[in-house]
Amino acid sequence: MKYLTITVPSYNSEDYLGRCLDSLLVGGENVEILVVNDGSTDRTEEIANEYAAKYPTIVKVINQENEGHGGAVNTGVRNATGKYFKVVDSDDRLDAKSLKTVLKHIQHWEATKTNVDMIVCNYVYEKTGTAPYVVNYRKVFKNGRICGWDDMGRFGITQYLIMHAQIFKTSVIRKSGVQLPLHTFYVDNLFAYQPLPFVETICYLDVDLYRYFIGRDDQSTTTKNMMARIDQQLRVTKMMIDVTNIYTMPHPKLAMCMERNISSVMSISSVLLLMIGTPDAMAKRKDLWDYAKNRSPYLYRRLRYHRLCGLTYLPTKLGSWATKKGYQVARSIVKFQ
C-alpha cells in the first residue's frame, strides 16, 4: 500500500522537474509520484518518462491536454491510490529528512489504526540571494499531537493553512467534492480551503517539509502577473465565498480559520484591483465586495469591519494610498515577490 500520493503538476518544466522528483524519491516505495504532464511542449514528458522507466513502482506519468494547474491537480486526485495526498509544484521540492519523518508517522498511524485527516507541516520560502524564510505553526498546534479544531491556538498575522503546509487524507479531499476550475491560476487557495470542514483530526509535525522557490519573473505570484490575471483571482475568490457557509460550522475555531483564508484572498483581490486603478478595475472591486455582501451579509460585515481585510476597502484617496502602502509592507513581511 502507498502511504502518500504526491501529484506533480508539470507544464514546460524541463529545467527543474528532475530536481523536484529527486527530492520525492526519498520516500521510496511508500510514495506514489504522479507526474501530470499538462500539455507540455518541451522535454517535460521525456524527463518524466525516464524517471518512470527507472522507478516503475513509484513514478507514474499521466499525459493530458493543457488544462492548467487546477486540471492537473484534479487528475492527480482522480488517480491517487495513496492514503494521503500532497501537491508539489514541479519547480519546488520537499526536504528529504522531513519527508521521512512524515512517512514514519503515517506508518505508525496506520499500524495503530489512528485517524488523522490532515497533516500540517512548516514550509520554506527560498529565493536566490536571500536567506530562507520558514513559516511554522508552533503557536497554533503542539508538535506531534493529534488534535481537533477546538484545540488550536491562535494564528499569527502571516500564518494561514495553505496548500504548501497541508497533507490531506485522500478520502477527505474526495468527500469534499473539490473540483478546481481549468485554465485558472491561484486555485491552490480553493484546494486548501474546501476540504477543511471535512477534517476532524489534525496532526502538526514541526518539520520544514515544503521548499517553495520564489524569484522567477514568470511565476504566477509576482504582483505584475497577479494584476494581469486578476479575473482568475476574482473567480477563485468568489468560488471560496460560495462553497460553504462557514458560520454554520460546528467548531468556531474552524470557522475562524476559514474566515482567515477568505480574508486573505479578498484582501489580495481588493488591493490588486486598486493598484490597477482603471474604471473597469474599480467597478470589479465594488462588485467583489457586493458579491460577498449578497452571498453572506455576516461574512461581509466580518471582513469589512472586523478583519484587516476591511482596510483594503477604504474610502477616499488617502484610504487608497494607505491601502497600497500597507500591501507593500505586507508582501515584504511574508516574503512574497
Protein backbone atom coordinates (compact mmCIF):
# COMPACT_ATOMS: atom_id res chain seq x y z
CA MET A 1 0.00 0.00 0.00
CA LYS A 2 1.18 3.52 -0.79
CA TYR A 3 1.06 5.81 2.20
CA LEU A 4 1.36 9.05 0.25
CA THR A 5 0.46 10.12 -3.27
CA ILE A 6 2.42 13.14 -4.45
CA THR A 7 0.99 14.82 -7.52
CA VAL A 8 3.39 16.98 -9.53
CA PRO A 9 1.55 19.27 -11.98
CA SER A 10 4.05 19.87 -14.78
CA TYR A 11 3.92 22.29 -17.67
CA ASN A 12 7.15 23.01 -19.58
CA SER A 13 9.17 22.05 -16.51
CA GLU A 14 12.28 20.63 -18.16
CA ASP A 15 14.62 22.95 -16.23
CA TYR A 16 13.57 21.84 -12.75
CA LEU A 17 11.39 18.72 -12.88
CA GLY A 18 14.35 16.41 -12.23
CA ARG A 19 15.31 18.27 -9.06
CA CYS A 20 11.73 18.05 -7.82
CA LEU A 21 11.40 14.31 -8.49
CA ASP A 22 14.78 13.55 -6.91
CA SER A 23 13.54 15.12 -3.67
CA LEU A 24 10.38 12.99 -3.68
CA LEU A 25 12.06 9.67 -4.41
CA VAL A 26 13.46 9.75 -0.87
CA GLY A 27 10.09 8.31 0.14
CA GLY A 28 10.87 5.09 -1.70
CA GLU A 29 8.12 2.51 -2.09
CA ASN A 30 5.96 4.27 0.48
CA VAL A 31 5.14 7.02 -2.00
CA GLU A 32 3.35 7.20 -5.32
CA ILE A 33 4.53 10.03 -7.56
CA LEU A 34 2.07 11.12 -10.23
CA VAL A 35 3.67 13.43 -12.78
CA VAL A 36 0.78 15.09 -14.61
CA ASN A 37 2.20 16.39 -17.87
CA ASP A 38 -0.22 19.20 -18.66
CA GLY A 39 0.31 19.56 -22.40
CA SER A 40 3.98 20.50 -22.22
CA THR A 41 5.81 21.43 -25.43
CA ASP A 42 9.36 20.98 -24.13
CA ARG A 43 11.18 17.91 -22.73
CA THR A 44 8.94 17.55 -19.66
CA GLU A 45 7.28 14.36 -20.89
CA GLU A 46 10.62 12.83 -21.87
CA ILE A 47 12.17 13.56 -18.48
CA ALA A 48 9.12 12.22 -16.64
CA ASN A 49 9.18 9.03 -18.72
CA GLU A 50 12.84 8.50 -17.88
CA TYR A 51 12.01 8.57 -14.16
CA ALA A 52 9.01 6.28 -14.67
CA ALA A 53 11.19 3.78 -16.54
CA LYS A 54 13.82 3.84 -13.78
CA TYR A 55 11.31 3.74 -10.89
CA PRO A 56 8.28 1.91 -12.36
CA THR A 57 6.71 1.08 -8.98
CA ILE A 58 6.95 4.66 -7.74
CA VAL A 59 6.63 7.12 -10.63
CA LYS A 60 3.68 7.23 -12.99
CA VAL A 61 3.30 9.70 -15.87
CA ILE A 62 -0.14 10.95 -16.88
CA ASN A 63 -0.29 12.96 -20.11
CA GLN A 64 -3.20 15.26 -20.81
CA GLU A 65 -4.10 18.24 -22.94
CA ASN A 66 -3.37 21.53 -21.24
CA GLU A 67 -5.94 22.25 -18.51
CA GLY A 68 -3.90 24.44 -16.20
CA HIS A 69 -2.73 23.82 -12.67
CA GLY A 70 -6.23 23.04 -11.40
CA GLY A 71 -6.83 20.47 -14.11
CA ALA A 72 -3.56 18.75 -13.27
CA VAL A 73 -4.45 18.59 -9.56
CA ASN A 74 -7.91 17.24 -10.41
CA THR A 75 -6.25 14.48 -12.45
CA GLY A 76 -3.98 13.66 -9.55
CA VAL A 77 -6.90 13.34 -7.12
CA ARG A 78 -8.78 11.05 -9.52
CA ASN A 79 -5.81 8.72 -9.99
CA ALA A 80 -4.35 8.70 -6.47
CA THR A 81 -4.06 5.37 -4.66
CA GLY A 82 -2.19 6.61 -1.58
CA LYS A 83 -3.73 7.02 1.87
CA TYR A 84 -2.70 10.68 1.90
CA PHE A 85 -2.40 13.27 -0.86
CA LYS A 86 0.10 16.08 -1.41
CA VAL A 87 0.61 18.53 -4.28
CA VAL A 88 4.18 19.57 -5.07
CA ASP A 89 4.66 22.03 -7.91
CA SER A 90 7.34 21.00 -10.39
CA ASP A 91 9.61 23.95 -9.57
CA ASP A 92 9.51 23.22 -5.84
CA ARG A 93 10.80 20.32 -3.74
CA LEU A 94 10.40 18.51 -0.42
CA ASP A 95 13.04 18.27 2.28
CA ALA A 96 14.36 14.69 2.50
CA LYS A 97 14.60 14.38 6.28
CA SER A 98 11.20 15.97 6.77
CA LEU A 99 9.55 13.66 4.23
CA LYS A 100 10.93 10.62 6.04
CA THR A 101 9.55 11.96 9.32
CA VAL A 102 6.09 12.41 7.81
CA LEU A 103 6.08 8.91 6.34
CA LYS A 104 7.22 7.42 9.65
CA HIS A 105 4.23 9.00 11.40
CA ILE A 106 1.80 7.83 8.71
CA GLN A 107 3.13 4.28 9.06
CA HIS A 108 2.64 4.44 12.83
CA TRP A 109 -0.92 5.73 12.49
CA GLU A 110 -1.72 3.00 10.00
CA ALA A 111 -0.30 0.32 12.30
CA THR A 112 -2.22 1.61 15.32
CA LYS A 113 -5.42 2.36 13.38
CA THR A 114 -5.18 6.04 14.31
CA ASN A 115 -7.20 8.51 12.25
CA VAL A 116 -5.55 11.75 11.13
CA ASP A 117 -7.43 13.69 8.47
CA MET A 118 -4.90 16.45 7.86
CA ILE A 119 -1.17 16.79 8.49
CA VAL A 120 0.26 20.29 8.84
CA CYS A 121 3.97 20.97 8.32
CA ASN A 122 6.13 24.06 8.01
CA TYR A 123 7.01 25.46 4.60
CA VAL A 124 10.01 27.48 3.48
CA TYR A 125 10.32 30.36 1.04
CA GLU A 126 13.56 30.00 -0.92
CA LYS A 127 14.89 32.80 -3.09
CA THR A 128 18.30 33.10 -4.68
CA GLY A 129 20.48 35.59 -2.82
CA THR A 130 18.36 35.72 0.33
CA ALA A 131 18.12 33.58 3.46
CA PRO A 132 15.29 31.01 3.56
CA TYR A 133 12.18 32.14 5.42
CA VAL A 134 10.30 29.48 7.40
CA VAL A 135 6.59 29.65 8.23
CA ASN A 136 5.84 27.43 11.22
CA TYR A 137 2.74 26.71 13.30
CA ARG A 138 4.26 26.20 16.73
CA LYS A 139 1.87 28.62 18.45
CA VAL A 140 -1.15 27.09 16.74
CA PHE A 141 -0.57 23.36 17.32
CA LYS A 142 1.53 21.17 19.62
CA ASN A 143 4.15 19.20 17.73
CA GLY A 144 3.16 15.58 17.12
CA ARG A 145 -0.12 15.81 18.99
CA ILE A 146 -3.31 14.69 17.27
CA CYS A 147 -5.98 17.27 17.94
CA GLY A 148 -9.29 18.72 16.76
CA TRP A 149 -10.24 22.26 15.76
CA ASP A 150 -11.18 23.21 19.31
CA ASP A 151 -7.62 22.51 20.47
CA MET A 152 -5.97 25.05 18.17
CA GLY A 153 -4.16 28.12 19.37
CA ARG A 154 -4.07 31.50 17.63
CA PHE A 155 -2.71 32.01 14.15
CA GLY A 156 -0.09 34.71 13.71
CA ILE A 157 -0.51 37.51 11.20
CA THR A 158 1.47 35.67 8.49
CA GLN A 159 0.00 32.23 9.17
CA TYR A 160 -2.67 30.57 7.06
CA LEU A 161 -3.42 26.95 6.28
CA ILE A 162 -2.24 26.94 2.68
CA MET A 163 -1.62 24.08 0.28
CA HIS A 164 2.14 24.06 0.87
CA ALA A 165 1.57 23.32 4.56
CA GLN A 166 -1.14 20.69 4.15
CA ILE A 167 -1.31 16.97 3.53
CA PHE A 168 -4.91 15.76 3.39
CA LYS A 169 -6.17 12.23 3.67
CA THR A 170 -7.16 11.35 0.10
CA SER A 171 -10.65 10.29 1.20
CA VAL A 172 -11.20 13.71 2.79
CA ILE A 173 -10.40 15.52 -0.45
CA ARG A 174 -12.76 13.29 -2.39
CA LYS A 175 -15.50 13.63 0.18
CA SER A 176 -15.24 17.44 0.00
CA GLY A 177 -16.00 17.30 -3.72
CA VAL A 178 -13.42 19.96 -4.50
CA GLN A 179 -13.14 20.42 -8.26
CA LEU A 180 -10.68 23.07 -9.34
CA PRO A 181 -11.50 25.28 -12.33
CA LEU A 182 -9.50 24.72 -15.51
CA HIS A 183 -7.09 27.23 -17.05
CA THR A 184 -7.11 29.24 -13.83
CA PHE A 185 -4.25 30.32 -11.60
CA TYR A 186 -4.49 30.65 -7.78
CA VAL A 187 -6.64 27.53 -7.42
CA ASP A 188 -4.42 26.38 -4.56
CA ASN A 189 -6.45 28.74 -2.36
CA LEU A 190 -9.60 26.77 -3.07
CA PHE A 191 -7.85 23.41 -2.72
CA ALA A 192 -6.55 24.37 0.73
CA TYR A 193 -9.94 25.66 1.81
CA GLN A 194 -12.84 23.50 0.64
CA PRO A 195 -11.80 20.23 2.38
CA LEU A 196 -11.40 21.88 5.82
CA PRO A 197 -14.97 21.21 7.08
CA PHE A 198 -14.40 17.50 6.42
CA VAL A 199 -11.33 17.42 8.67
CA GLU A 200 -11.91 16.22 12.21
CA THR A 201 -8.40 15.32 13.35
CA ILE A 202 -5.17 17.21 12.72
CA CYS A 203 -1.53 16.50 13.47
CA TYR A 204 1.14 19.17 13.24
CA LEU A 205 4.67 17.98 12.57
CA ASP A 206 7.28 20.65 13.23
CA VAL A 207 9.42 19.90 10.18
CA ASP A 208 10.32 22.18 7.27
CA LEU A 209 8.82 19.95 4.59
CA TYR A 210 7.86 22.10 1.60
CA ARG A 211 10.54 24.21 -0.07
CA TYR A 212 8.78 26.89 -2.09
CA PHE A 213 11.03 28.60 -4.62
CA ILE A 214 10.22 32.22 -5.45
CA GLY A 215 12.01 34.82 -7.52
CA ARG A 216 11.38 33.97 -11.17
CA ASP A 217 9.72 36.69 -13.25
CA ASP A 218 7.37 34.20 -14.89
CA GLN A 219 5.86 32.94 -11.63
CA SER A 220 2.16 33.47 -11.08
CA THR A 221 2.68 35.12 -7.67
CA THR A 222 4.54 38.22 -8.86
CA THR A 223 2.48 41.38 -8.48
CA LYS A 224 2.73 42.05 -12.21
CA ASN A 225 1.37 38.63 -13.16
CA MET A 226 -1.33 38.70 -10.49
CA MET A 227 -2.55 42.03 -11.83
CA ALA A 228 -2.59 40.64 -15.38
CA ARG A 229 -4.60 37.61 -14.20
CA ILE A 230 -6.90 39.45 -11.84
CA ASP A 231 -10.05 37.89 -13.35
CA GLN A 232 -8.74 34.45 -12.40
CA GLN A 233 -8.02 35.64 -8.87
CA LEU A 234 -11.57 37.00 -8.65
CA ARG A 235 -13.02 33.74 -9.92
CA VAL A 236 -11.30 31.74 -7.19
CA THR A 237 -12.23 34.30 -4.53
CA LYS A 238 -15.92 34.07 -5.42
CA MET A 239 -15.79 30.27 -5.50
CA MET A 240 -14.43 30.31 -1.96
CA ILE A 241 -17.26 32.57 -0.83
CA ASP A 242 -19.80 30.25 -2.47
CA VAL A 243 -18.50 26.86 -1.38
CA THR A 244 -19.99 26.85 2.12
CA ASN A 245 -21.45 28.99 4.89
CA ILE A 246 -18.54 28.92 7.29
CA TYR A 247 -20.65 30.22 10.17
CA THR A 248 -22.69 27.00 10.24
CA MET A 249 -19.55 25.03 11.11
CA PRO A 250 -19.80 23.04 14.38
CA HIS A 251 -16.39 24.31 15.52
CA PRO A 252 -15.98 28.09 16.00
CA LYS A 253 -12.22 27.86 15.51
CA LEU A 254 -12.73 26.09 12.19
CA ALA A 255 -14.97 28.97 11.10
CA MET A 256 -12.33 31.47 12.17
CA CYS A 257 -9.63 29.55 10.32
CA MET A 258 -11.69 29.55 7.13
CA GLU A 259 -12.55 33.21 7.63
CA ARG A 260 -8.82 33.98 7.72
CA ASN A 261 -8.34 32.28 4.36
CA ILE A 262 -11.20 34.19 2.73
CA SER A 263 -9.95 37.40 4.29
CA SER A 264 -6.53 36.82 2.73
CA VAL A 265 -7.77 36.26 -0.82
CA MET A 266 -10.31 39.10 -0.53
CA SER A 267 -7.53 41.44 0.59
CA ILE A 268 -5.26 40.47 -2.27
CA SER A 269 -8.02 40.80 -4.85
CA SER A 270 -9.17 44.14 -3.49
CA VAL A 271 -5.68 45.66 -3.38
CA LEU A 272 -4.67 44.40 -6.82
CA LEU A 273 -7.76 45.98 -8.35
CA LEU A 274 -6.93 49.23 -6.57
CA MET A 275 -3.37 49.10 -7.93
CA ILE A 276 -4.67 48.52 -11.47
CA GLY A 277 -6.77 51.60 -10.91
CA THR A 278 -8.78 51.70 -14.13
CA PRO A 279 -12.52 52.43 -14.04
CA ASP A 280 -13.15 48.80 -15.01
CA ALA A 281 -10.94 47.57 -12.15
CA MET A 282 -12.66 49.81 -9.64
CA ALA A 283 -16.04 48.53 -10.81
CA LYS A 284 -14.82 44.95 -10.33
CA ARG A 285 -13.60 45.87 -6.85
CA LYS A 286 -17.04 47.17 -5.87
CA ASP A 287 -18.64 44.12 -7.49
CA LEU A 288 -16.46 41.77 -5.42
CA TRP A 289 -17.47 43.35 -2.13
CA ASP A 290 -21.11 43.48 -3.23
CA TYR A 291 -20.86 39.81 -4.14
CA ALA A 292 -19.68 38.94 -0.65
CA LYS A 293 -22.42 41.09 0.88
CA ASN A 294 -25.17 39.46 -1.19
CA ARG A 295 -23.95 35.91 -0.56
CA SER A 296 -23.35 36.30 3.17
CA PRO A 297 -24.11 39.60 4.90
CA TYR A 298 -22.48 38.34 8.10
CA LEU A 299 -19.28 37.37 6.27
CA TYR A 300 -19.29 40.80 4.63
CA ARG A 301 -19.56 42.56 7.99
CA ARG A 302 -16.81 40.40 9.45
CA LEU A 303 -14.47 41.15 6.57
CA ARG A 304 -15.42 44.79 6.23
CA TYR A 305 -15.38 45.84 9.86
CA HIS A 306 -13.71 43.15 11.98
CA ARG A 307 -10.80 41.97 9.83
CA LEU A 308 -7.69 43.66 8.49
CA CYS A 309 -9.28 42.83 5.15
CA GLY A 310 -11.53 45.85 5.64
CA LEU A 311 -8.51 48.13 5.45
CA THR A 312 -8.16 47.15 1.79
CA TYR A 313 -11.51 48.78 1.01
CA LEU A 314 -11.13 52.22 2.49
CA PRO A 315 -12.89 55.28 1.05
CA THR A 316 -11.14 58.47 -0.19
CA LYS A 317 -7.81 58.91 -1.97
CA LEU A 318 -5.97 58.88 1.35
CA GLY A 319 -7.52 55.49 2.11
CA SER A 320 -6.40 54.17 -1.26
CA TRP A 321 -2.86 55.41 -0.69
CA ALA A 322 -2.74 53.81 2.76
CA THR A 323 -4.02 50.53 1.34
CA LYS A 324 -1.31 50.37 -1.33
CA LYS A 325 1.44 51.16 1.17
CA GLY A 326 0.10 48.57 3.58
CA TYR A 327 0.10 45.95 0.84
CA GLN A 328 3.73 46.65 0.01
CA VAL A 329 4.70 46.26 3.67
CA ALA A 330 2.67 43.06 4.00
CA ARG A 331 4.32 41.48 0.96
CA SER A 332 7.76 42.23 2.38
CA ILE A 333 6.79 40.69 5.74
CA VAL A 334 5.53 37.42 4.27
CA LYS A 335 8.33 37.31 1.68
CA PHE A 336 6.14 37.36 -1.41
CA GLN A 337 7.64 38.55 -4.68
